[in-house]
Amino acid sequence: MAKKATEKSKNSQSSSASSASETASNQKMVLRKRPSQQSIVASEKEEKPYPAKKLPMKKKKKHGKLDPKKPKKPPTAFFYFLEDFRKEFQEQNPDIKSMRDIGKACGEKWKTMTYEDKVKYYDIATEKRAEFDSAMADYIKRKESGESQDTEDDSEFDEYD
């Protein structure tokens, strides 16, 4: 009896499959193989213990119109050193013109310099930073008082009628 029941269920499945294939004659039927128990266990072992989490995308800040009258930040001590070192390095090595090589040599030299050697450049950077701070304070005062606001009449490029 059990054999007859399984044969009937197979026949009913094949007849329903044949009727489905007749209705969708343009589509191909794909048979999928069920994974064996061993492959399921192996795939579970291969999985990472912690799934990778996607970090939320940071939105880019929209910069408003940059004010051309705003003072620019001064360079750091390293950049003042870089100016001097670049001149010396190019005199000693005229064949090397790659900025990459010059930058690498400069970085290595900066790392090996003592603090006493760097003080000269730190002093220059400190002076420039003080000038920047005072210029920025003046700029903020002018901006708050409304003096720095440009009107269309003050623009250099007047439209001709």
N, C-alpha and C. Protein backbone atom coordinates (compact mmCIF):
# COMPACT_ATOMS: atom_id res chain seq x y z
N MET A 1 0.81 -1.18 0.00
CA MET A 1 0.00 0.00 0.00
C MET A 1 0.86 1.26 0.00
N ALA A 2 1.93 1.22 0.75
CA ALA A 2 2.79 2.38 0.83
C ALA A 2 3.41 2.67 -0.53
N LYS A 3 3.74 1.62 -1.29
CA LYS A 3 4.33 1.80 -2.61
C LYS A 3 3.34 2.47 -3.54
N LYS A 4 2.06 2.04 -3.47
CA LYS A 4 1.04 2.62 -4.34
C LYS A 4 0.82 4.10 -4.03
N ALA A 5 0.86 4.46 -2.75
CA ALA A 5 0.65 5.86 -2.36
C ALA A 5 1.78 6.73 -2.87
N THR A 6 3.01 6.24 -2.80
CA THR A 6 4.14 7.03 -3.28
C THR A 6 4.11 7.14 -4.79
N GLU A 7 3.69 6.05 -5.49
CA GLU A 7 3.60 6.09 -6.95
C GLU A 7 2.54 7.10 -7.38
N LYS A 8 1.39 7.13 -6.68
CA LYS A 8 0.33 8.07 -7.00
C LYS A 8 0.80 9.51 -6.81
N SER A 9 1.53 9.75 -5.71
CA SER A 9 2.00 11.12 -5.46
C SER A 9 3.02 11.52 -6.51
N LYS A 10 3.86 10.60 -6.96
CA LYS A 10 4.83 10.90 -8.03
C LYS A 10 4.11 11.19 -9.32
N ASN A 11 3.09 10.38 -9.63
CA ASN A 11 2.32 10.59 -10.85
C ASN A 11 1.61 11.94 -10.82
N SER A 12 1.05 12.28 -9.69
CA SER A 12 0.33 13.54 -9.61
C SER A 12 1.31 14.71 -9.73
N GLN A 13 2.51 14.58 -9.17
CA GLN A 13 3.51 15.64 -9.29
C GLN A 13 3.98 15.77 -10.73
N SER A 14 4.23 14.65 -11.40
CA SER A 14 4.71 14.71 -12.77
C SER A 14 3.63 15.23 -13.70
N SER A 15 2.35 14.89 -13.42
CA SER A 15 1.28 15.40 -14.27
C SER A 15 1.12 16.90 -14.07
N SER A 16 1.26 17.37 -12.84
CA SER A 16 1.15 18.81 -12.60
C SER A 16 2.35 19.52 -13.20
N ALA A 17 3.51 18.90 -13.17
CA ALA A 17 4.71 19.49 -13.77
C ALA A 17 4.58 19.54 -15.28
N SER A 18 4.00 18.48 -15.87
CA SER A 18 3.84 18.47 -17.32
C SER A 18 2.82 19.51 -17.76
N SER A 19 1.76 19.70 -16.97
CA SER A 19 0.77 20.71 -17.33
C SER A 19 1.36 22.11 -17.17
N ALA A 20 2.21 22.28 -16.18
CA ALA A 20 2.85 23.58 -15.99
C ALA A 20 3.82 23.85 -17.12
N SER A 21 4.50 22.79 -17.60
CA SER A 21 5.46 22.98 -18.69
C SER A 21 4.72 23.26 -20.00
N GLU A 22 3.53 22.73 -20.14
CA GLU A 22 2.75 23.00 -21.35
C GLU A 22 2.28 24.44 -21.37
N THR A 23 1.89 24.97 -20.22
CA THR A 23 1.39 26.35 -20.18
C THR A 23 2.54 27.34 -20.35
N ALA A 24 3.68 27.03 -19.81
CA ALA A 24 4.83 27.93 -19.96
C ALA A 24 5.88 27.23 -20.80
N SER A 25 5.60 27.06 -22.08
CA SER A 25 6.51 26.32 -22.95
C SER A 25 7.80 27.08 -23.23
N ASN A 26 7.78 28.41 -23.12
CA ASN A 26 8.98 29.19 -23.39
C ASN A 26 9.96 29.18 -22.22
N GLN A 27 9.50 28.88 -21.04
CA GLN A 27 10.36 28.89 -19.87
C GLN A 27 10.96 27.52 -19.65
N LYS A 28 12.23 27.52 -19.26
CA LYS A 28 12.90 26.25 -18.97
C LYS A 28 12.76 25.97 -17.49
N MET A 29 12.63 24.71 -17.19
CA MET A 29 12.49 24.29 -15.81
C MET A 29 13.87 23.97 -15.25
N VAL A 30 14.17 24.51 -14.10
CA VAL A 30 15.47 24.30 -13.50
C VAL A 30 15.30 23.43 -12.28
N LEU A 31 16.07 22.38 -12.23
CA LEU A 31 16.03 21.49 -11.09
C LEU A 31 17.13 21.89 -10.12
N ARG A 32 16.78 21.98 -8.87
CA ARG A 32 17.76 22.34 -7.87
C ARG A 32 18.03 21.14 -7.00
N LYS A 33 19.29 20.95 -6.74
CA LYS A 33 19.70 19.83 -5.93
C LYS A 33 19.72 20.26 -4.47
N ARG A 34 19.13 19.45 -3.62
CA ARG A 34 19.13 19.75 -2.20
C ARG A 34 20.52 19.48 -1.63
N PRO A 35 20.99 20.38 -0.79
CA PRO A 35 22.32 20.15 -0.21
C PRO A 35 22.29 18.99 0.76
N SER A 36 23.35 18.22 0.76
CA SER A 36 23.42 17.09 1.68
C SER A 36 23.70 17.61 3.08
N GLN A 37 23.53 16.78 4.05
CA GLN A 37 23.70 17.18 5.44
C GLN A 37 25.15 17.57 5.71
N GLN A 38 26.11 16.92 5.04
CA GLN A 38 27.53 17.21 5.26
C GLN A 38 27.87 18.61 4.74
N SER A 39 27.32 18.98 3.59
CA SER A 39 27.65 20.30 3.04
C SER A 39 27.04 21.41 3.88
N ILE A 40 25.90 21.15 4.52
CA ILE A 40 25.29 22.15 5.40
C ILE A 40 26.19 22.37 6.61
N VAL A 41 26.70 21.31 7.19
CA VAL A 41 27.58 21.41 8.35
C VAL A 41 28.87 22.13 7.96
N ALA A 42 29.42 21.83 6.79
CA ALA A 42 30.66 22.46 6.34
C ALA A 42 30.45 23.95 6.10
N SER A 43 29.31 24.32 5.51
CA SER A 43 29.06 25.74 5.24
C SER A 43 28.86 26.51 6.54
N GLU A 44 28.32 25.87 7.58
CA GLU A 44 28.16 26.55 8.86
C GLU A 44 29.51 26.82 9.51
N LYS A 45 30.47 25.91 9.32
CA LYS A 45 31.81 26.11 9.87
C LYS A 45 32.54 27.22 9.14
N GLU A 46 32.31 27.37 7.85
CA GLU A 46 33.00 28.38 7.06
C GLU A 46 32.48 29.78 7.34
N GLU A 47 31.29 29.91 7.88
CA GLU A 47 30.72 31.22 8.13
C GLU A 47 31.53 31.95 9.18
N LYS A 48 31.60 33.26 9.05
CA LYS A 48 32.32 34.07 10.01
C LYS A 48 31.52 34.14 11.30
N PRO A 49 32.19 34.18 12.44
CA PRO A 49 31.46 34.21 13.69
C PRO A 49 30.67 35.51 13.87
N TYR A 50 31.18 36.62 13.34
CA TYR A 50 30.49 37.90 13.47
C TYR A 50 30.19 38.44 12.07
N PRO A 51 28.95 38.63 11.76
CA PRO A 51 28.64 39.15 10.43
C PRO A 51 29.10 40.59 10.30
N ALA A 52 29.53 40.96 9.11
CA ALA A 52 30.01 42.31 8.87
C ALA A 52 28.83 43.28 8.93
N LYS A 53 29.01 44.35 9.67
CA LYS A 53 27.95 45.33 9.80
C LYS A 53 28.25 46.49 8.85
N LYS A 54 27.25 46.95 8.18
CA LYS A 54 27.43 48.10 7.30
C LYS A 54 27.27 49.36 8.13
N LEU A 55 28.26 50.24 8.01
CA LEU A 55 28.19 51.49 8.73
C LEU A 55 27.30 52.45 7.95
N PRO A 56 26.56 53.26 8.65
CA PRO A 56 25.71 54.22 7.93
C PRO A 56 26.58 55.24 7.19
N MET A 57 26.14 55.63 6.01
CA MET A 57 26.87 56.58 5.20
C MET A 57 26.80 57.96 5.84
N LYS A 58 27.95 58.61 5.91
CA LYS A 58 27.96 59.96 6.45
C LYS A 58 27.58 60.92 5.34
N LYS A 59 26.74 61.85 5.69
CA LYS A 59 26.34 62.83 4.70
C LYS A 59 27.41 63.91 4.62
N LYS A 60 27.71 64.31 3.41
CA LYS A 60 28.70 65.36 3.23
C LYS A 60 28.10 66.69 3.65
N LYS A 61 28.92 67.47 4.30
CA LYS A 61 28.46 68.78 4.72
C LYS A 61 28.42 69.69 3.51
N LYS A 62 27.37 70.45 3.43
CA LYS A 62 27.26 71.40 2.34
C LYS A 62 27.92 72.69 2.77
N HIS A 63 28.93 73.05 2.03
CA HIS A 63 29.61 74.30 2.34
C HIS A 63 28.85 75.44 1.68
N GLY A 64 28.63 76.44 2.46
CA GLY A 64 28.00 77.63 1.91
C GLY A 64 29.02 78.36 1.05
N LYS A 65 28.68 79.54 0.64
CA LYS A 65 29.63 80.31 -0.15
C LYS A 65 30.83 80.66 0.73
N LEU A 66 32.01 80.37 0.21
CA LEU A 66 33.22 80.70 0.95
C LEU A 66 33.50 82.18 0.78
N ASP A 67 33.82 82.82 1.86
CA ASP A 67 34.08 84.25 1.85
C ASP A 67 35.52 84.49 1.42
N PRO A 68 35.75 85.22 0.34
CA PRO A 68 37.12 85.46 -0.10
C PRO A 68 37.89 86.39 0.83
N LYS A 69 37.19 87.10 1.69
CA LYS A 69 37.85 88.02 2.62
C LYS A 69 38.28 87.33 3.91
N LYS A 70 37.85 86.10 4.11
CA LYS A 70 38.18 85.38 5.33
C LYS A 70 39.67 85.02 5.28
N PRO A 71 40.41 85.26 6.37
CA PRO A 71 41.84 84.93 6.38
C PRO A 71 42.08 83.43 6.31
N LYS A 72 43.15 83.06 5.63
CA LYS A 72 43.48 81.64 5.48
C LYS A 72 44.37 81.19 6.62
N LYS A 73 44.21 79.93 7.00
CA LYS A 73 45.02 79.39 8.08
C LYS A 73 46.48 79.31 7.65
N PRO A 74 47.40 79.58 8.58
CA PRO A 74 48.82 79.52 8.23
C PRO A 74 49.31 78.07 8.19
N PRO A 75 50.40 77.82 7.47
CA PRO A 75 50.95 76.46 7.43
C PRO A 75 51.58 76.08 8.77
N THR A 76 51.79 74.80 8.96
CA THR A 76 52.41 74.30 10.19
C THR A 76 53.93 74.42 10.07
N ALA A 77 54.62 74.10 11.16
CA ALA A 77 56.07 74.19 11.21
C ALA A 77 56.70 73.27 10.16
N PHE A 78 56.10 72.12 9.93
CA PHE A 78 56.64 71.18 8.96
C PHE A 78 56.68 71.79 7.56
N PHE A 79 55.67 72.57 7.20
CA PHE A 79 55.64 73.16 5.86
C PHE A 79 56.70 74.24 5.70
N TYR A 80 57.01 74.96 6.76
CA TYR A 80 58.11 75.93 6.69
C TYR A 80 59.43 75.20 6.52
N PHE A 81 59.57 74.07 7.23
CA PHE A 81 60.76 73.24 7.06
C PHE A 81 60.83 72.69 5.64
N LEU A 82 59.69 72.30 5.11
CA LEU A 82 59.63 71.73 3.77
C LEU A 82 60.13 72.72 2.72
N GLU A 83 59.79 74.00 2.88
CA GLU A 83 60.26 75.02 1.94
C GLU A 83 61.79 75.06 1.91
N ASP A 84 62.40 75.13 3.10
CA ASP A 84 63.86 75.20 3.17
C ASP A 84 64.50 73.91 2.68
N PHE A 85 63.96 72.79 3.11
CA PHE A 85 64.56 71.51 2.75
C PHE A 85 64.48 71.25 1.25
N ARG A 86 63.37 71.63 0.65
CA ARG A 86 63.18 71.40 -0.79
C ARG A 86 64.26 72.12 -1.59
N LYS A 87 64.56 73.37 -1.21
CA LYS A 87 65.61 74.12 -1.91
C LYS A 87 66.96 73.43 -1.78
N GLU A 88 67.34 73.05 -0.55
CA GLU A 88 68.61 72.38 -0.32
C GLU A 88 68.68 71.03 -1.05
N PHE A 89 67.62 70.28 -0.97
CA PHE A 89 67.59 68.94 -1.56
C PHE A 89 67.73 69.02 -3.08
N GLN A 90 67.06 69.99 -3.70
CA GLN A 90 67.14 70.11 -5.16
C GLN A 90 68.53 70.59 -5.61
N GLU A 91 69.21 71.39 -4.79
CA GLU A 91 70.57 71.80 -5.11
C GLU A 91 71.52 70.60 -5.04
N GLN A 92 71.33 69.77 -4.03
CA GLN A 92 72.20 68.60 -3.86
C GLN A 92 71.86 67.48 -4.83
N ASN A 93 70.60 67.34 -5.20
CA ASN A 93 70.14 66.26 -6.08
C ASN A 93 69.34 66.85 -7.25
N PRO A 94 69.99 67.44 -8.24
CA PRO A 94 69.25 68.07 -9.34
C PRO A 94 68.54 67.05 -10.24
N ASP A 95 68.99 65.79 -10.21
CA ASP A 95 68.38 64.78 -11.07
C ASP A 95 67.03 64.28 -10.53
N ILE A 96 66.79 64.44 -9.24
CA ILE A 96 65.53 63.99 -8.65
C ILE A 96 64.53 65.14 -8.73
N LYS A 97 63.47 64.94 -9.51
CA LYS A 97 62.46 65.99 -9.66
C LYS A 97 61.09 65.55 -9.18
N SER A 98 60.95 64.32 -8.76
CA SER A 98 59.67 63.79 -8.31
C SER A 98 59.35 64.35 -6.92
N MET A 99 58.17 64.94 -6.81
CA MET A 99 57.75 65.48 -5.51
C MET A 99 57.59 64.36 -4.49
N ARG A 100 57.28 63.18 -4.97
CA ARG A 100 57.12 62.04 -4.07
C ARG A 100 58.44 61.72 -3.38
N ASP A 101 59.51 61.67 -4.14
CA ASP A 101 60.82 61.36 -3.57
C ASP A 101 61.30 62.47 -2.64
N ILE A 102 61.06 63.72 -3.05
CA ILE A 102 61.45 64.86 -2.21
C ILE A 102 60.67 64.83 -0.91
N GLY A 103 59.38 64.55 -0.99
CA GLY A 103 58.54 64.49 0.20
C GLY A 103 58.95 63.38 1.14
N LYS A 104 59.32 62.23 0.59
CA LYS A 104 59.76 61.12 1.43
C LYS A 104 61.05 61.49 2.16
N ALA A 105 61.99 62.08 1.42
CA ALA A 105 63.26 62.46 2.04
C ALA A 105 63.04 63.51 3.12
N CYS A 106 62.14 64.44 2.86
CA CYS A 106 61.84 65.49 3.82
C CYS A 106 61.21 64.91 5.08
N GLY A 107 60.28 64.00 4.92
CA GLY A 107 59.63 63.37 6.07
C GLY A 107 60.61 62.60 6.93
N GLU A 108 61.53 61.89 6.28
CA GLU A 108 62.54 61.14 7.02
C GLU A 108 63.44 62.08 7.81
N LYS A 109 63.85 63.18 7.15
CA LYS A 109 64.71 64.15 7.81
C LYS A 109 63.99 64.79 9.00
N TRP A 110 62.72 65.14 8.84
CA TRP A 110 61.94 65.77 9.91
C TRP A 110 61.82 64.84 11.11
N LYS A 111 61.64 63.55 10.84
CA LYS A 111 61.52 62.58 11.94
C LYS A 111 62.82 62.45 12.72
N THR A 112 63.95 62.56 12.02
CA THR A 112 65.24 62.37 12.68
C THR A 112 65.76 63.64 13.35
N MET A 113 65.16 64.79 13.06
CA MET A 113 65.61 66.05 13.66
C MET A 113 65.29 66.09 15.14
N THR A 114 66.14 66.77 15.88
CA THR A 114 65.88 66.95 17.31
C THR A 114 64.95 68.14 17.49
N TYR A 115 64.43 68.27 18.69
CA TYR A 115 63.51 69.37 18.98
C TYR A 115 64.22 70.72 18.84
N GLU A 116 65.50 70.77 19.21
CA GLU A 116 66.26 72.01 19.11
C GLU A 116 66.36 72.47 17.66
N ASP A 117 66.47 71.52 16.73
CA ASP A 117 66.52 71.87 15.31
C ASP A 117 65.17 72.35 14.80
N LYS A 118 64.12 71.80 15.35
CA LYS A 118 62.77 72.13 14.90
C LYS A 118 62.25 73.45 15.48
N VAL A 119 62.88 73.92 16.55
CA VAL A 119 62.39 75.12 17.24
C VAL A 119 62.31 76.31 16.29
N LYS A 120 63.27 76.43 15.41
CA LYS A 120 63.29 77.53 14.44
C LYS A 120 61.99 77.58 13.64
N TYR A 121 61.54 76.43 13.19
CA TYR A 121 60.33 76.34 12.38
C TYR A 121 59.07 76.50 13.23
N TYR A 122 59.10 75.99 14.47
CA TYR A 122 57.97 76.17 15.38
C TYR A 122 57.77 77.65 15.72
N ASP A 123 58.89 78.38 15.87
CA ASP A 123 58.78 79.82 16.16
C ASP A 123 58.12 80.56 15.01
N ILE A 124 58.51 80.25 13.78
CA ILE A 124 57.91 80.89 12.60
C ILE A 124 56.42 80.58 12.55
N ALA A 125 56.08 79.30 12.78
CA ALA A 125 54.68 78.89 12.72
C ALA A 125 53.86 79.56 13.82
N THR A 126 54.45 79.75 15.00
CA THR A 126 53.75 80.40 16.10
C THR A 126 53.47 81.86 15.78
N GLU A 127 54.46 82.54 15.18
CA GLU A 127 54.27 83.94 14.79
C GLU A 127 53.14 84.07 13.76
N LYS A 128 53.18 83.21 12.77
CA LYS A 128 52.15 83.26 11.72
C LYS A 128 50.78 82.94 12.29
N ARG A 129 50.73 82.03 13.26
CA ARG A 129 49.46 81.68 13.88
C ARG A 129 48.89 82.85 14.67
N ALA A 130 49.78 83.59 15.33
CA ALA A 130 49.32 84.76 16.09
C ALA A 130 48.77 85.82 15.14
N GLU A 131 49.44 86.03 14.00
CA GLU A 131 48.94 86.97 13.00
C GLU A 131 47.57 86.53 12.47
N PHE A 132 47.43 85.24 12.25
CA PHE A 132 46.16 84.70 11.76
C PHE A 132 45.06 84.92 12.79
N ASP A 133 45.36 84.65 14.06
CA ASP A 133 44.35 84.82 15.11
C ASP A 133 43.86 86.26 15.20
N SER A 134 44.79 87.21 15.09
CA SER A 134 44.36 88.62 15.16
C SER A 134 43.56 88.99 13.92
N ALA A 135 43.97 88.51 12.75
CA ALA A 135 43.23 88.78 11.52
C ALA A 135 41.84 88.15 11.57
N MET A 136 41.74 86.98 12.16
CA MET A 136 40.46 86.30 12.27
C MET A 136 39.55 87.04 13.23
N ALA A 137 40.11 87.56 14.32
CA ALA A 137 39.31 88.33 15.27
C ALA A 137 38.75 89.59 14.60
N ASP A 138 39.58 90.25 13.79
CA ASP A 138 39.12 91.44 13.05
C ASP A 138 38.03 91.06 12.06
N TYR A 139 38.22 89.95 11.40
CA TYR A 139 37.24 89.48 10.40
C TYR A 139 35.89 89.20 11.07
N ILE A 140 35.93 88.55 12.22
CA ILE A 140 34.69 88.22 12.93
C ILE A 140 33.98 89.49 13.38
N LYS A 141 34.75 90.48 13.86
CA LYS A 141 34.15 91.75 14.28
C LYS A 141 33.47 92.44 13.09
N ARG A 142 34.17 92.46 11.95
CA ARG A 142 33.60 93.09 10.76
C ARG A 142 32.35 92.35 10.29
N LYS A 143 32.38 91.03 10.38
CA LYS A 143 31.24 90.22 9.93
C LYS A 143 30.03 90.45 10.83
N GLU A 144 30.27 90.53 12.14
CA GLU A 144 29.17 90.74 13.08
C GLU A 144 28.57 92.14 12.94
N SER A 145 29.42 93.10 12.65
CA SER A 145 28.91 94.46 12.53
C SER A 145 28.23 94.69 11.18
N GLY A 146 28.46 93.79 10.25
CA GLY A 146 27.80 93.88 8.96
C GLY A 146 28.58 94.65 7.92
N GLU A 147 29.81 95.00 8.22
CA GLU A 147 30.63 95.75 7.27
C GLU A 147 31.08 94.91 6.09
N SER A 148 31.24 93.61 6.29
CA SER A 148 31.78 92.76 5.22
C SER A 148 30.74 92.29 4.23
N GLN A 149 29.47 92.62 4.48
CA GLN A 149 28.44 92.17 3.56
C GLN A 149 28.51 92.96 2.27
N ASP A 150 28.63 92.26 1.17
CA ASP A 150 28.70 92.92 -0.13
C ASP A 150 27.30 93.13 -0.67
N THR A 151 27.11 94.22 -1.34
CA THR A 151 25.86 94.44 -2.04
C THR A 151 26.13 94.33 -3.51
N GLU A 152 25.08 94.22 -4.28
CA GLU A 152 25.27 94.07 -5.72
C GLU A 152 25.88 95.32 -6.33
N ASP A 153 25.65 96.50 -5.72
CA ASP A 153 26.20 97.75 -6.26
C ASP A 153 27.71 97.81 -6.07
N ASP A 154 28.26 97.13 -5.05
CA ASP A 154 29.68 97.20 -4.77
C ASP A 154 30.51 96.26 -5.63
N SER A 155 29.89 95.39 -6.41
CA SER A 155 30.66 94.40 -7.16
C SER A 155 31.49 95.06 -8.24
N GLU A 156 32.64 94.41 -8.57
CA GLU A 156 33.55 94.94 -9.57
C GLU A 156 32.94 94.88 -10.97
N PHE A 157 32.14 93.89 -11.23
CA PHE A 157 31.63 93.64 -12.56
C PHE A 157 30.20 94.18 -12.65
N ASP A 158 30.07 95.41 -13.02
CA ASP A 158 28.76 96.00 -13.18
C ASP A 158 28.21 95.63 -14.54
N GLU A 159 26.94 95.36 -14.57
CA GLU A 159 26.31 95.03 -15.85
C GLU A 159 26.04 96.31 -16.62
N TYR A 160 26.31 96.26 -17.91
CA TYR A 160 26.06 97.40 -18.75
C TYR A 160 24.69 97.30 -19.37
N ASP A 161 23.90 98.35 -19.31
CA ASP A 161 22.56 98.35 -19.87
C ASP A 161 22.58 98.83 -21.29
